[in-house]
Amino acid sequence: MEKYRIYQAIEKQGVVVVIRGNSVDQAVKTVEACYKGGVKIIEITFTVPSAEQIIKILTEKYANTDMIVGAGTVLDPQTARIAMLAGAKFIVSPSLNVETIKTCNRYGVPVMSGVMTPTEAQTAMEYGVDVLKLFPGDIAKPAGLKALKGPFPQANIMPTGGVSADNVEDWFKAGAFAVGAGSFLTKGANTGDYGLVESVCRDFVNKVQSVIGGRK
């Protein structure tokens, strides 16, 4: 199934890069730089102006490549459907919204719902969420992920927030399925330095691969 191919791609890459920006042009250029740096999984947040337009542009631009474009900061089923129609291949939420999960399942689109507590994690899995977004990661920390894996060893967990080059190995040692990262990778875009975005992304992707290289 297509949704599991996408999950496999995320697991193989090990990182979903979260894209924010002040305009369509900035977001598209940032993604271009990320892709040049080896990033294959991109999440366009709905905090970006005209996010659905950006998703449409990118899905058309990278249609014949290994780039996978998804939507993030999806708070409700209406936004999820807008993202899908624009071409988003997966949906990410910062929180647990059951109706959003149902909508994604209805259309066979992967959904990663935000959780922080054991109750939220169990609820998400019972509604068919295959990858849990641990958010905010800077509050949970790797120790929090490891603790959550205790009662839920079967859970695929992707921490987002607080992930950096300095601690990414700790996250994977704690049991992360993948990590979500953004601001420190794309900060060069704020000053128009897309070359910096490319180089920082390349270094981070290489580091993640060195950590998870033994995965089957």
N, C-alpha and C. Protein backbone atom coordinates (compact mmCIF):
# COMPACT_ATOMS: atom_id res chain seq x y z
N MET A 1 0.84 -1.21 0.00
CA MET A 1 0.00 0.00 0.00
C MET A 1 0.88 1.25 0.00
N GLU A 2 0.37 2.29 -0.63
CA GLU A 2 1.11 3.53 -0.75
C GLU A 2 1.49 4.12 0.60
N LYS A 3 0.58 4.07 1.57
CA LYS A 3 0.87 4.70 2.85
C LYS A 3 2.06 4.04 3.54
N TYR A 4 2.20 2.73 3.38
CA TYR A 4 3.31 2.06 4.04
C TYR A 4 4.62 2.29 3.29
N ARG A 5 4.53 2.52 1.99
CA ARG A 5 5.73 2.91 1.24
C ARG A 5 6.26 4.23 1.77
N ILE A 6 5.34 5.14 2.09
CA ILE A 6 5.74 6.45 2.62
C ILE A 6 6.36 6.30 4.00
N TYR A 7 5.75 5.48 4.85
CA TYR A 7 6.33 5.25 6.17
C TYR A 7 7.72 4.64 6.06
N GLN A 8 7.90 3.72 5.13
CA GLN A 8 9.20 3.09 4.93
C GLN A 8 10.24 4.12 4.48
N ALA A 9 9.81 5.06 3.62
CA ALA A 9 10.72 6.10 3.15
C ALA A 9 11.14 7.01 4.31
N ILE A 10 10.18 7.34 5.18
CA ILE A 10 10.49 8.17 6.34
C ILE A 10 11.45 7.45 7.28
N GLU A 11 11.20 6.17 7.51
CA GLU A 11 12.09 5.40 8.38
C GLU A 11 13.49 5.31 7.79
N LYS A 12 13.58 5.13 6.47
CA LYS A 12 14.88 5.01 5.81
C LYS A 12 15.65 6.32 5.88
N GLN A 13 14.98 7.46 5.63
CA GLN A 13 15.65 8.76 5.69
C GLN A 13 15.95 9.15 7.13
N GLY A 14 15.01 8.82 8.03
CA GLY A 14 15.23 9.08 9.45
C GLY A 14 14.88 10.47 9.90
N VAL A 15 14.56 11.36 8.97
CA VAL A 15 14.25 12.74 9.35
C VAL A 15 13.19 13.33 8.42
N VAL A 16 12.24 14.02 9.02
CA VAL A 16 11.26 14.82 8.30
C VAL A 16 11.62 16.28 8.56
N VAL A 17 11.89 17.04 7.52
CA VAL A 17 12.27 18.44 7.69
C VAL A 17 11.03 19.32 7.62
N VAL A 18 10.83 20.08 8.69
CA VAL A 18 9.65 20.94 8.83
C VAL A 18 9.96 22.31 8.23
N ILE A 19 9.13 22.71 7.28
CA ILE A 19 9.35 23.97 6.57
C ILE A 19 8.33 25.02 6.99
N ARG A 20 8.86 26.14 7.46
CA ARG A 20 8.03 27.31 7.72
C ARG A 20 8.61 28.45 6.87
N GLY A 21 7.90 29.53 6.78
CA GLY A 21 8.41 30.63 5.97
C GLY A 21 7.42 31.77 5.94
N ASN A 22 7.86 32.88 5.38
CA ASN A 22 7.02 34.07 5.34
C ASN A 22 6.30 34.26 4.02
N SER A 23 6.63 33.42 3.03
CA SER A 23 6.02 33.58 1.72
C SER A 23 6.15 32.28 0.94
N VAL A 24 5.40 32.20 -0.15
CA VAL A 24 5.47 31.04 -1.04
C VAL A 24 6.88 30.92 -1.61
N ASP A 25 7.42 32.02 -2.08
CA ASP A 25 8.74 32.01 -2.70
C ASP A 25 9.82 31.53 -1.73
N GLN A 26 9.78 32.04 -0.50
CA GLN A 26 10.79 31.63 0.49
C GLN A 26 10.68 30.15 0.80
N ALA A 27 9.46 29.66 0.97
CA ALA A 27 9.26 28.25 1.30
C ALA A 27 9.74 27.34 0.17
N VAL A 28 9.42 27.69 -1.07
CA VAL A 28 9.82 26.87 -2.22
C VAL A 28 11.35 26.85 -2.35
N LYS A 29 11.98 28.01 -2.20
CA LYS A 29 13.45 28.07 -2.29
C LYS A 29 14.10 27.28 -1.15
N THR A 30 13.49 27.32 0.01
CA THR A 30 14.03 26.57 1.15
C THR A 30 13.97 25.08 0.87
N VAL A 31 12.86 24.62 0.33
CA VAL A 31 12.72 23.20 0.00
C VAL A 31 13.74 22.80 -1.06
N GLU A 32 13.93 23.64 -2.05
CA GLU A 32 14.91 23.35 -3.10
C GLU A 32 16.30 23.16 -2.49
N ALA A 33 16.65 24.03 -1.54
CA ALA A 33 17.96 23.92 -0.87
C ALA A 33 18.04 22.65 -0.04
N CYS A 34 16.96 22.32 0.66
CA CYS A 34 16.93 21.10 1.47
C CYS A 34 17.14 19.87 0.59
N TYR A 35 16.47 19.85 -0.56
CA TYR A 35 16.56 18.71 -1.46
C TYR A 35 17.98 18.56 -1.98
N LYS A 36 18.62 19.67 -2.32
CA LYS A 36 20.01 19.64 -2.77
C LYS A 36 20.92 19.10 -1.66
N GLY A 37 20.50 19.32 -0.40
CA GLY A 37 21.27 18.83 0.74
C GLY A 37 20.97 17.40 1.12
N GLY A 38 20.14 16.72 0.32
CA GLY A 38 19.87 15.31 0.57
C GLY A 38 18.59 14.99 1.30
N VAL A 39 17.79 16.01 1.57
CA VAL A 39 16.51 15.79 2.27
C VAL A 39 15.47 15.25 1.29
N LYS A 40 14.79 14.19 1.69
CA LYS A 40 13.79 13.57 0.81
C LYS A 40 12.36 13.67 1.34
N ILE A 41 12.22 14.03 2.63
CA ILE A 41 10.90 14.10 3.24
C ILE A 41 10.69 15.51 3.80
N ILE A 42 9.68 16.20 3.28
CA ILE A 42 9.42 17.59 3.63
C ILE A 42 8.01 17.75 4.19
N GLU A 43 7.90 18.53 5.23
CA GLU A 43 6.58 18.83 5.82
C GLU A 43 6.33 20.34 5.73
N ILE A 44 5.33 20.73 4.96
CA ILE A 44 4.95 22.14 4.84
C ILE A 44 3.89 22.44 5.88
N THR A 45 4.19 23.33 6.81
CA THR A 45 3.23 23.60 7.88
C THR A 45 2.16 24.57 7.42
N PHE A 46 0.98 24.41 7.98
CA PHE A 46 -0.13 25.31 7.64
C PHE A 46 -0.08 26.61 8.43
N THR A 47 1.07 26.89 9.03
CA THR A 47 1.32 28.23 9.56
C THR A 47 1.95 29.11 8.48
N VAL A 48 2.35 28.52 7.37
CA VAL A 48 2.93 29.26 6.25
C VAL A 48 1.80 29.82 5.39
N PRO A 49 1.86 31.08 5.00
CA PRO A 49 0.83 31.65 4.12
C PRO A 49 0.72 30.83 2.83
N SER A 50 -0.52 30.53 2.43
CA SER A 50 -0.79 29.79 1.19
C SER A 50 -0.11 28.42 1.18
N ALA A 51 -0.17 27.74 2.31
CA ALA A 51 0.49 26.44 2.43
C ALA A 51 0.03 25.46 1.36
N GLU A 52 -1.27 25.45 1.06
CA GLU A 52 -1.77 24.51 0.05
C GLU A 52 -1.19 24.82 -1.34
N GLN A 53 -0.96 26.10 -1.61
CA GLN A 53 -0.35 26.48 -2.89
C GLN A 53 1.09 25.97 -2.98
N ILE A 54 1.81 26.09 -1.87
CA ILE A 54 3.19 25.61 -1.82
C ILE A 54 3.24 24.10 -2.03
N ILE A 55 2.33 23.38 -1.37
CA ILE A 55 2.28 21.93 -1.51
C ILE A 55 2.02 21.55 -2.96
N LYS A 56 1.10 22.24 -3.60
CA LYS A 56 0.78 21.96 -5.01
C LYS A 56 1.99 22.21 -5.90
N ILE A 57 2.67 23.34 -5.69
CA ILE A 57 3.86 23.67 -6.49
C ILE A 57 4.92 22.59 -6.33
N LEU A 58 5.15 22.18 -5.09
CA LEU A 58 6.22 21.22 -4.82
C LEU A 58 5.90 19.82 -5.32
N THR A 59 4.65 19.39 -5.17
CA THR A 59 4.30 18.05 -5.62
C THR A 59 4.40 17.95 -7.14
N GLU A 60 4.11 19.04 -7.82
CA GLU A 60 4.27 19.06 -9.28
C GLU A 60 5.75 19.12 -9.67
N LYS A 61 6.51 19.95 -8.96
CA LYS A 61 7.93 20.13 -9.28
C LYS A 61 8.73 18.85 -9.07
N TYR A 62 8.38 18.12 -8.00
CA TYR A 62 9.16 16.92 -7.64
C TYR A 62 8.40 15.62 -7.94
N ALA A 63 7.47 15.70 -8.87
CA ALA A 63 6.60 14.55 -9.17
C ALA A 63 7.39 13.31 -9.59
N ASN A 64 8.47 13.50 -10.30
CA ASN A 64 9.23 12.37 -10.82
C ASN A 64 10.55 12.16 -10.09
N THR A 65 10.55 12.54 -8.82
CA THR A 65 11.74 12.38 -8.00
C THR A 65 11.40 11.54 -6.76
N ASP A 66 12.37 11.40 -5.87
CA ASP A 66 12.15 10.66 -4.62
C ASP A 66 11.73 11.57 -3.47
N MET A 67 11.41 12.82 -3.78
CA MET A 67 10.93 13.75 -2.75
C MET A 67 9.48 13.40 -2.38
N ILE A 68 9.19 13.41 -1.07
CA ILE A 68 7.83 13.21 -0.59
C ILE A 68 7.42 14.45 0.20
N VAL A 69 6.32 15.07 -0.21
CA VAL A 69 5.86 16.31 0.40
C VAL A 69 4.60 16.05 1.21
N GLY A 70 4.63 16.45 2.48
CA GLY A 70 3.47 16.31 3.34
C GLY A 70 3.06 17.64 3.94
N ALA A 71 2.04 17.61 4.76
CA ALA A 71 1.51 18.83 5.39
C ALA A 71 1.59 18.71 6.90
N GLY A 72 1.95 19.81 7.56
CA GLY A 72 2.05 19.81 9.01
C GLY A 72 1.21 20.90 9.64
N THR A 73 1.17 20.89 10.97
CA THR A 73 0.31 21.79 11.75
C THR A 73 -1.12 21.71 11.24
N VAL A 74 -1.57 20.48 11.01
CA VAL A 74 -2.93 20.24 10.55
C VAL A 74 -3.79 20.00 11.79
N LEU A 75 -4.68 20.93 12.06
CA LEU A 75 -5.43 20.90 13.32
C LEU A 75 -6.81 20.28 13.22
N ASP A 76 -7.31 20.09 12.00
CA ASP A 76 -8.69 19.63 11.84
C ASP A 76 -8.85 18.88 10.53
N PRO A 77 -9.95 18.14 10.38
CA PRO A 77 -10.15 17.35 9.16
C PRO A 77 -10.30 18.20 7.91
N GLN A 78 -10.85 19.40 8.06
CA GLN A 78 -11.02 20.26 6.89
C GLN A 78 -9.66 20.63 6.29
N THR A 79 -8.73 21.00 7.15
CA THR A 79 -7.39 21.35 6.68
C THR A 79 -6.69 20.12 6.10
N ALA A 80 -6.90 18.98 6.72
CA ALA A 80 -6.30 17.74 6.21
C ALA A 80 -6.76 17.48 4.78
N ARG A 81 -8.04 17.65 4.53
CA ARG A 81 -8.58 17.39 3.19
C ARG A 81 -8.05 18.41 2.17
N ILE A 82 -7.94 19.67 2.59
CA ILE A 82 -7.36 20.69 1.71
C ILE A 82 -5.93 20.30 1.33
N ALA A 83 -5.18 19.84 2.32
CA ALA A 83 -3.79 19.43 2.06
C ALA A 83 -3.73 18.25 1.11
N MET A 84 -4.59 17.27 1.31
CA MET A 84 -4.62 16.11 0.43
C MET A 84 -4.92 16.51 -1.01
N LEU A 85 -5.90 17.36 -1.20
CA LEU A 85 -6.30 17.78 -2.54
C LEU A 85 -5.19 18.59 -3.22
N ALA A 86 -4.35 19.22 -2.41
CA ALA A 86 -3.21 19.96 -2.97
C ALA A 86 -2.06 19.02 -3.32
N GLY A 87 -2.13 17.78 -2.84
CA GLY A 87 -1.11 16.81 -3.19
C GLY A 87 -0.30 16.26 -2.04
N ALA A 88 -0.59 16.67 -0.80
CA ALA A 88 0.18 16.20 0.35
C ALA A 88 0.09 14.67 0.46
N LYS A 89 1.24 14.05 0.67
CA LYS A 89 1.30 12.59 0.75
C LYS A 89 1.18 12.07 2.18
N PHE A 90 1.33 12.96 3.15
CA PHE A 90 1.12 12.57 4.54
C PHE A 90 0.70 13.79 5.33
N ILE A 91 0.09 13.56 6.48
CA ILE A 91 -0.45 14.62 7.34
C ILE A 91 0.17 14.51 8.72
N VAL A 92 0.60 15.65 9.26
CA VAL A 92 1.18 15.69 10.61
C VAL A 92 0.42 16.71 11.44
N SER A 93 0.04 16.31 12.66
CA SER A 93 -0.67 17.19 13.57
C SER A 93 0.16 17.40 14.85
N PRO A 94 0.05 18.57 15.45
CA PRO A 94 0.76 18.80 16.71
C PRO A 94 0.01 18.22 17.90
N SER A 95 -1.23 17.82 17.66
CA SER A 95 -2.09 17.36 18.75
C SER A 95 -2.92 16.17 18.27
N LEU A 96 -3.66 15.58 19.19
CA LEU A 96 -4.49 14.42 18.87
C LEU A 96 -5.90 14.86 18.55
N ASN A 97 -6.29 14.75 17.28
CA ASN A 97 -7.63 15.09 16.83
C ASN A 97 -8.21 13.88 16.11
N VAL A 98 -9.16 13.23 16.74
CA VAL A 98 -9.69 11.97 16.22
C VAL A 98 -10.33 12.13 14.85
N GLU A 99 -11.03 13.24 14.62
CA GLU A 99 -11.70 13.43 13.33
C GLU A 99 -10.68 13.59 12.21
N THR A 100 -9.56 14.19 12.51
CA THR A 100 -8.49 14.30 11.51
C THR A 100 -7.95 12.92 11.17
N ILE A 101 -7.75 12.10 12.19
CA ILE A 101 -7.28 10.72 11.96
C ILE A 101 -8.26 9.97 11.08
N LYS A 102 -9.55 10.08 11.39
CA LYS A 102 -10.58 9.38 10.61
C LYS A 102 -10.56 9.82 9.15
N THR A 103 -10.40 11.11 8.93
CA THR A 103 -10.38 11.63 7.56
C THR A 103 -9.19 11.07 6.79
N CYS A 104 -8.03 11.05 7.43
CA CYS A 104 -6.84 10.51 6.77
C CYS A 104 -7.00 9.02 6.47
N ASN A 105 -7.54 8.28 7.42
CA ASN A 105 -7.76 6.85 7.21
C ASN A 105 -8.77 6.61 6.09
N ARG A 106 -9.77 7.47 6.01
CA ARG A 106 -10.80 7.34 4.97
C ARG A 106 -10.20 7.39 3.58
N TYR A 107 -9.19 8.25 3.42
CA TYR A 107 -8.58 8.44 2.11
C TYR A 107 -7.24 7.73 1.96
N GLY A 108 -6.87 6.93 2.95
CA GLY A 108 -5.65 6.14 2.86
C GLY A 108 -4.37 6.95 2.91
N VAL A 109 -4.42 8.09 3.61
CA VAL A 109 -3.26 8.97 3.70
C VAL A 109 -2.61 8.82 5.07
N PRO A 110 -1.30 8.61 5.13
CA PRO A 110 -0.61 8.47 6.41
C PRO A 110 -0.83 9.69 7.30
N VAL A 111 -1.04 9.45 8.58
CA VAL A 111 -1.23 10.55 9.53
C VAL A 111 -0.35 10.31 10.75
N MET A 112 0.35 11.35 11.17
CA MET A 112 1.19 11.30 12.36
C MET A 112 0.64 12.30 13.36
N SER A 113 -0.05 11.81 14.35
CA SER A 113 -0.73 12.67 15.31
C SER A 113 0.16 13.00 16.50
N GLY A 114 0.05 14.22 16.99
CA GLY A 114 0.84 14.65 18.13
C GLY A 114 0.35 14.06 19.43
N VAL A 115 1.27 13.52 20.21
CA VAL A 115 0.94 12.96 21.52
C VAL A 115 2.02 13.37 22.51
N MET A 116 1.66 13.32 23.78
CA MET A 116 2.62 13.58 24.85
C MET A 116 2.47 12.58 25.99
N THR A 117 1.25 12.11 26.18
CA THR A 117 0.96 11.23 27.32
C THR A 117 0.67 9.80 26.88
N PRO A 118 0.76 8.84 27.81
CA PRO A 118 0.40 7.46 27.49
C PRO A 118 -1.05 7.34 27.00
N THR A 119 -1.95 8.11 27.59
CA THR A 119 -3.35 8.05 27.18
C THR A 119 -3.51 8.49 25.73
N GLU A 120 -2.84 9.58 25.37
CA GLU A 120 -2.91 10.06 23.98
C GLU A 120 -2.28 9.06 23.02
N ALA A 121 -1.17 8.46 23.43
CA ALA A 121 -0.51 7.48 22.58
C ALA A 121 -1.41 6.28 22.32
N GLN A 122 -2.03 5.77 23.37
CA GLN A 122 -2.91 4.61 23.21
C GLN A 122 -4.12 4.96 22.36
N THR A 123 -4.70 6.11 22.60
CA THR A 123 -5.87 6.53 21.82
C THR A 123 -5.51 6.65 20.34
N ALA A 124 -4.38 7.27 20.04
CA ALA A 124 -3.96 7.43 18.65
C ALA A 124 -3.78 6.08 17.97
N MET A 125 -3.13 5.15 18.65
CA MET A 125 -2.89 3.83 18.05
C MET A 125 -4.20 3.08 17.85
N GLU A 126 -5.13 3.23 18.78
CA GLU A 126 -6.41 2.54 18.65
C GLU A 126 -7.22 3.07 17.48
N TYR A 127 -6.98 4.32 17.10
CA TYR A 127 -7.66 4.89 15.93
C TYR A 127 -6.87 4.68 14.64
N GLY A 128 -5.78 3.93 14.72
CA GLY A 128 -5.06 3.55 13.51
C GLY A 128 -3.88 4.42 13.13
N VAL A 129 -3.33 5.19 14.07
CA VAL A 129 -2.15 6.00 13.78
C VAL A 129 -0.91 5.10 13.85
N ASP A 130 -0.15 5.06 12.76
CA ASP A 130 1.00 4.16 12.69
C ASP A 130 2.28 4.80 13.22
N VAL A 131 2.38 6.13 13.16
CA VAL A 131 3.55 6.83 13.69
C VAL A 131 3.06 7.97 14.58
N LEU A 132 3.53 7.97 15.82
CA LEU A 132 3.14 9.00 16.78
C LEU A 132 4.17 10.12 16.77
N LYS A 133 3.70 11.36 16.70
CA LYS A 133 4.58 12.51 16.79
C LYS A 133 4.69 12.92 18.25
N LEU A 134 5.86 12.74 18.84
CA LEU A 134 6.06 13.15 20.24
C LEU A 134 6.36 14.64 20.25
N PHE A 135 5.42 15.41 20.79
CA PHE A 135 5.54 16.87 20.73
C PHE A 135 4.97 17.51 22.00
N PRO A 136 5.67 18.53 22.54
CA PRO A 136 6.96 19.08 22.11
C PRO A 136 8.13 18.21 22.58
N GLY A 137 9.02 17.89 21.66
CA GLY A 137 10.16 17.05 22.00
C GLY A 137 11.11 17.67 22.99
N ASP A 138 11.18 19.02 22.97
CA ASP A 138 12.11 19.68 23.90
C ASP A 138 11.63 19.61 25.34
N ILE A 139 10.37 19.26 25.54
CA ILE A 139 9.86 19.01 26.89
C ILE A 139 10.02 17.53 27.24
N ALA A 140 9.66 16.65 26.30
CA ALA A 140 9.73 15.21 26.56
C ALA A 140 11.17 14.74 26.72
N LYS A 141 12.05 15.22 25.84
CA LYS A 141 13.45 14.81 25.80
C LYS A 141 13.58 13.31 25.51
N PRO A 142 14.77 12.85 25.14
CA PRO A 142 14.94 11.42 24.85
C PRO A 142 14.50 10.51 25.99
N ALA A 143 14.68 10.97 27.22
CA ALA A 143 14.26 10.14 28.37
C ALA A 143 12.75 9.93 28.35
N GLY A 144 12.00 10.94 27.93
CA GLY A 144 10.55 10.82 27.85
C GLY A 144 10.12 9.83 26.78
N LEU A 145 10.84 9.85 25.64
CA LEU A 145 10.54 8.89 24.58
C LEU A 145 10.82 7.47 25.06
N LYS A 146 11.95 7.30 25.70
CA LYS A 146 12.31 5.97 26.21
C LYS A 146 11.29 5.47 27.21
N ALA A 147 10.81 6.37 28.05
CA ALA A 147 9.81 5.98 29.05
C ALA A 147 8.50 5.58 28.38
N LEU A 148 8.12 6.28 27.31
CA LEU A 148 6.88 5.97 26.60
C LEU A 148 6.99 4.64 25.87
N LYS A 149 8.18 4.31 25.42
CA LYS A 149 8.38 3.02 24.74
C LYS A 149 8.28 1.85 25.72
N GLY A 150 8.40 2.14 27.02
CA GLY A 150 8.28 1.08 28.01
C GLY A 150 6.96 0.34 27.90
N PRO A 151 5.82 1.02 28.10
CA PRO A 151 4.54 0.36 27.99
C PRO A 151 4.07 0.16 26.56
N PHE A 152 4.72 0.87 25.61
CA PHE A 152 4.31 0.78 24.20
C PHE A 152 5.51 0.46 23.31
N PRO A 153 6.12 -0.70 23.49
CA PRO A 153 7.30 -1.03 22.69
C PRO A 153 7.00 -1.13 21.20
N GLN A 154 5.72 -1.36 20.88
CA GLN A 154 5.32 -1.50 19.49
C GLN A 154 5.12 -0.16 18.79
N ALA A 155 5.15 0.93 19.54
CA ALA A 155 4.85 2.25 18.98
C ALA A 155 6.02 2.79 18.14
N ASN A 156 5.68 3.35 16.99
CA ASN A 156 6.64 4.09 16.17
C ASN A 156 6.53 5.55 16.56
N ILE A 157 7.59 6.13 17.09
CA ILE A 157 7.52 7.47 17.66
C ILE A 157 8.51 8.40 16.96
N MET A 158 8.01 9.57 16.54
CA MET A 158 8.84 10.58 15.89
C MET A 158 8.83 11.86 16.73
N PRO A 159 9.90 12.12 17.48
CA PRO A 159 9.96 13.36 18.25
C PRO A 159 10.17 14.56 17.34
N THR A 160 9.52 15.65 17.66
CA THR A 160 9.68 16.90 16.92
C THR A 160 9.75 18.04 17.92
N GLY A 161 10.71 18.94 17.69
CA GLY A 161 10.92 20.02 18.65
C GLY A 161 12.06 19.64 19.57
N GLY A 162 13.09 20.44 19.60
CA GLY A 162 14.22 20.13 20.47
C GLY A 162 15.21 19.15 19.88
N VAL A 163 15.00 18.74 18.63
CA VAL A 163 15.94 17.84 17.98
C VAL A 163 17.06 18.67 17.36
N SER A 164 18.31 18.24 17.56
CA SER A 164 19.45 18.96 17.01
C SER A 164 20.53 17.96 16.60
N ALA A 165 21.55 18.48 15.93
CA ALA A 165 22.67 17.62 15.55
C ALA A 165 23.38 17.08 16.79
N ASP A 166 23.32 17.83 17.87
CA ASP A 166 24.01 17.42 19.10
C ASP A 166 23.31 16.28 19.83
N ASN A 167 21.97 16.19 19.69
CA ASN A 167 21.25 15.18 20.47
C ASN A 167 20.54 14.12 19.63
N VAL A 168 20.67 14.21 18.30
CA VAL A 168 19.89 13.29 17.46
C VAL A 168 20.26 11.83 17.73
N GLU A 169 21.51 11.56 18.05
CA GLU A 169 21.89 10.19 18.37
C GLU A 169 21.18 9.70 19.63
N ASP A 170 21.00 10.59 20.60
CA ASP A 170 20.29 10.23 21.83
C ASP A 170 18.85 9.86 21.55
N TRP A 171 18.23 10.59 20.61
CA TRP A 171 16.83 10.30 20.27
C TRP A 171 16.70 8.89 19.68
N PHE A 172 17.61 8.56 18.77
CA PHE A 172 17.51 7.23 18.15
C PHE A 172 17.87 6.13 19.14
N LYS A 173 18.81 6.39 20.02
CA LYS A 173 19.13 5.40 21.05
C LYS A 173 17.95 5.17 21.98
N ALA A 174 17.11 6.21 22.15
CA ALA A 174 15.92 6.10 23.00
C ALA A 174 14.79 5.35 22.30
N GLY A 175 14.95 5.13 20.98
CA GLY A 175 13.94 4.35 20.26
C GLY A 175 13.16 5.09 19.21
N ALA A 176 13.63 6.24 18.77
CA ALA A 176 12.89 7.02 17.77
C ALA A 176 12.79 6.27 16.44
N PHE A 177 11.63 6.35 15.83
CA PHE A 177 11.38 5.81 14.49
C PHE A 177 12.02 6.73 13.45
N ALA A 178 11.89 8.02 13.69
CA ALA A 178 12.48 9.08 12.88
C ALA A 178 12.43 10.34 13.74
N VAL A 179 12.99 11.44 13.24
CA VAL A 179 12.90 12.70 13.97
C VAL A 179 12.36 13.78 13.06
N GLY A 180 11.70 14.74 13.65
CA GLY A 180 11.25 15.93 12.93
C GLY A 180 12.14 17.09 13.32
N ALA A 181 12.63 17.83 12.35
CA ALA A 181 13.54 18.94 12.63
C ALA A 181 13.27 20.06 11.64
N GLY A 182 13.52 21.30 12.08
CA GLY A 182 13.23 22.39 11.18
C GLY A 182 14.10 23.61 11.32
N SER A 183 13.86 24.39 12.37
CA SER A 183 14.42 25.73 12.46
C SER A 183 15.93 25.79 12.34
N PHE A 184 16.65 24.88 12.99
CA PHE A 184 18.11 24.98 12.93
C PHE A 184 18.64 24.56 11.55
N LEU A 185 17.85 23.80 10.80
CA LEU A 185 18.26 23.39 9.47
C LEU A 185 18.01 24.48 8.43
N THR A 186 16.96 25.24 8.63
CA THR A 186 16.52 26.19 7.60
C THR A 186 16.75 27.65 7.97
N LYS A 187 17.49 27.92 9.04
CA LYS A 187 17.64 29.30 9.49
C LYS A 187 18.29 30.20 8.44
N GLY A 188 19.10 29.63 7.56
CA GLY A 188 19.74 30.42 6.52
C GLY A 188 18.74 31.10 5.60
N ALA A 189 17.55 30.52 5.48
CA ALA A 189 16.53 31.09 4.61
C ALA A 189 16.06 32.45 5.10
N ASN A 190 16.19 32.70 6.38
CA ASN A 190 15.75 33.98 6.94
C ASN A 190 16.56 35.16 6.39
N THR A 191 17.79 34.87 5.96
CA THR A 191 18.64 35.93 5.40
C THR A 191 18.91 35.69 3.92
N GLY A 192 18.18 34.75 3.32
CA GLY A 192 18.37 34.45 1.91
C GLY A 192 19.59 33.61 1.60
N ASP A 193 20.19 33.01 2.62
CA ASP A 193 21.38 32.19 2.43
C ASP A 193 20.97 30.73 2.25
N TYR A 194 20.53 30.41 1.06
CA TYR A 194 20.05 29.05 0.79
C TYR A 194 21.20 28.05 0.66
N GLY A 195 22.37 28.57 0.38
CA GLY A 195 23.55 27.70 0.38
C GLY A 195 23.82 27.15 1.76
N LEU A 196 23.59 27.97 2.79
CA LEU A 196 23.75 27.53 4.17
C LEU A 196 22.72 26.46 4.50
N VAL A 197 21.48 26.65 4.04
CA VAL A 197 20.44 25.65 4.27
C VAL A 197 20.88 24.32 3.68
N GLU A 198 21.37 24.36 2.46
CA GLU A 198 21.82 23.13 1.79
C GLU A 198 22.92 22.43 2.58
N SER A 199 23.93 23.18 3.01
CA SER A 199 25.07 22.57 3.69
C SER A 199 24.70 22.03 5.07
N VAL A 200 23.87 22.77 5.81
CA VAL A 200 23.44 22.31 7.13
C VAL A 200 22.59 21.04 7.00
N CYS A 201 21.71 21.03 6.00
CA CYS A 201 20.88 19.84 5.77
C CYS A 201 21.74 18.64 5.41
N ARG A 202 22.73 18.85 4.56
CA ARG A 202 23.59 17.75 4.14
C ARG A 202 24.33 17.15 5.35
N ASP A 203 24.85 18.02 6.18
CA ASP A 203 25.56 17.54 7.37
C ASP A 203 24.64 16.75 8.29
N PHE A 204 23.40 17.26 8.45
CA PHE A 204 22.47 16.60 9.37
C PHE A 204 22.00 15.26 8.81
N VAL A 205 21.67 15.25 7.53
CA VAL A 205 21.23 13.99 6.90
C VAL A 205 22.34 12.95 7.00
N ASN A 206 23.57 13.36 6.76
CA ASN A 206 24.70 12.43 6.86
C ASN A 206 24.86 11.91 8.29
N LYS A 207 24.65 12.79 9.26
CA LYS A 207 24.78 12.36 10.65
C LYS A 207 23.69 11.36 11.01
N VAL A 208 22.46 11.66 10.60
CA VAL A 208 21.35 10.74 10.87
C VAL A 208 21.64 9.40 10.23
N GLN A 209 22.10 9.40 9.00
CA GLN A 209 22.38 8.15 8.32
C GLN A 209 23.49 7.36 9.01
N SER A 210 24.45 8.08 9.56
CA SER A 210 25.54 7.38 10.27
C SER A 210 25.02 6.74 11.55
N VAL A 211 23.97 7.33 12.12
CA VAL A 211 23.39 6.79 13.36
C VAL A 211 22.50 5.59 13.07
N ILE A 212 21.70 5.69 12.00
CA ILE A 212 20.71 4.63 11.71
C ILE A 212 21.16 3.71 10.59
N GLY A 213 22.39 3.83 10.17
CA GLY A 213 22.86 3.09 9.01
C GLY A 213 22.67 1.59 9.11
N GLY A 214 22.59 1.06 10.31
CA GLY A 214 22.45 -0.38 10.46
C GLY A 214 21.01 -0.86 10.38
N ARG A 215 20.08 0.04 10.13
CA ARG A 215 18.68 -0.37 10.07
C ARG A 215 18.42 -1.28 8.87
N LYS A 216 17.50 -2.22 9.08
CA LYS A 216 17.07 -3.10 8.00
C LYS A 216 15.72 -2.63 7.52
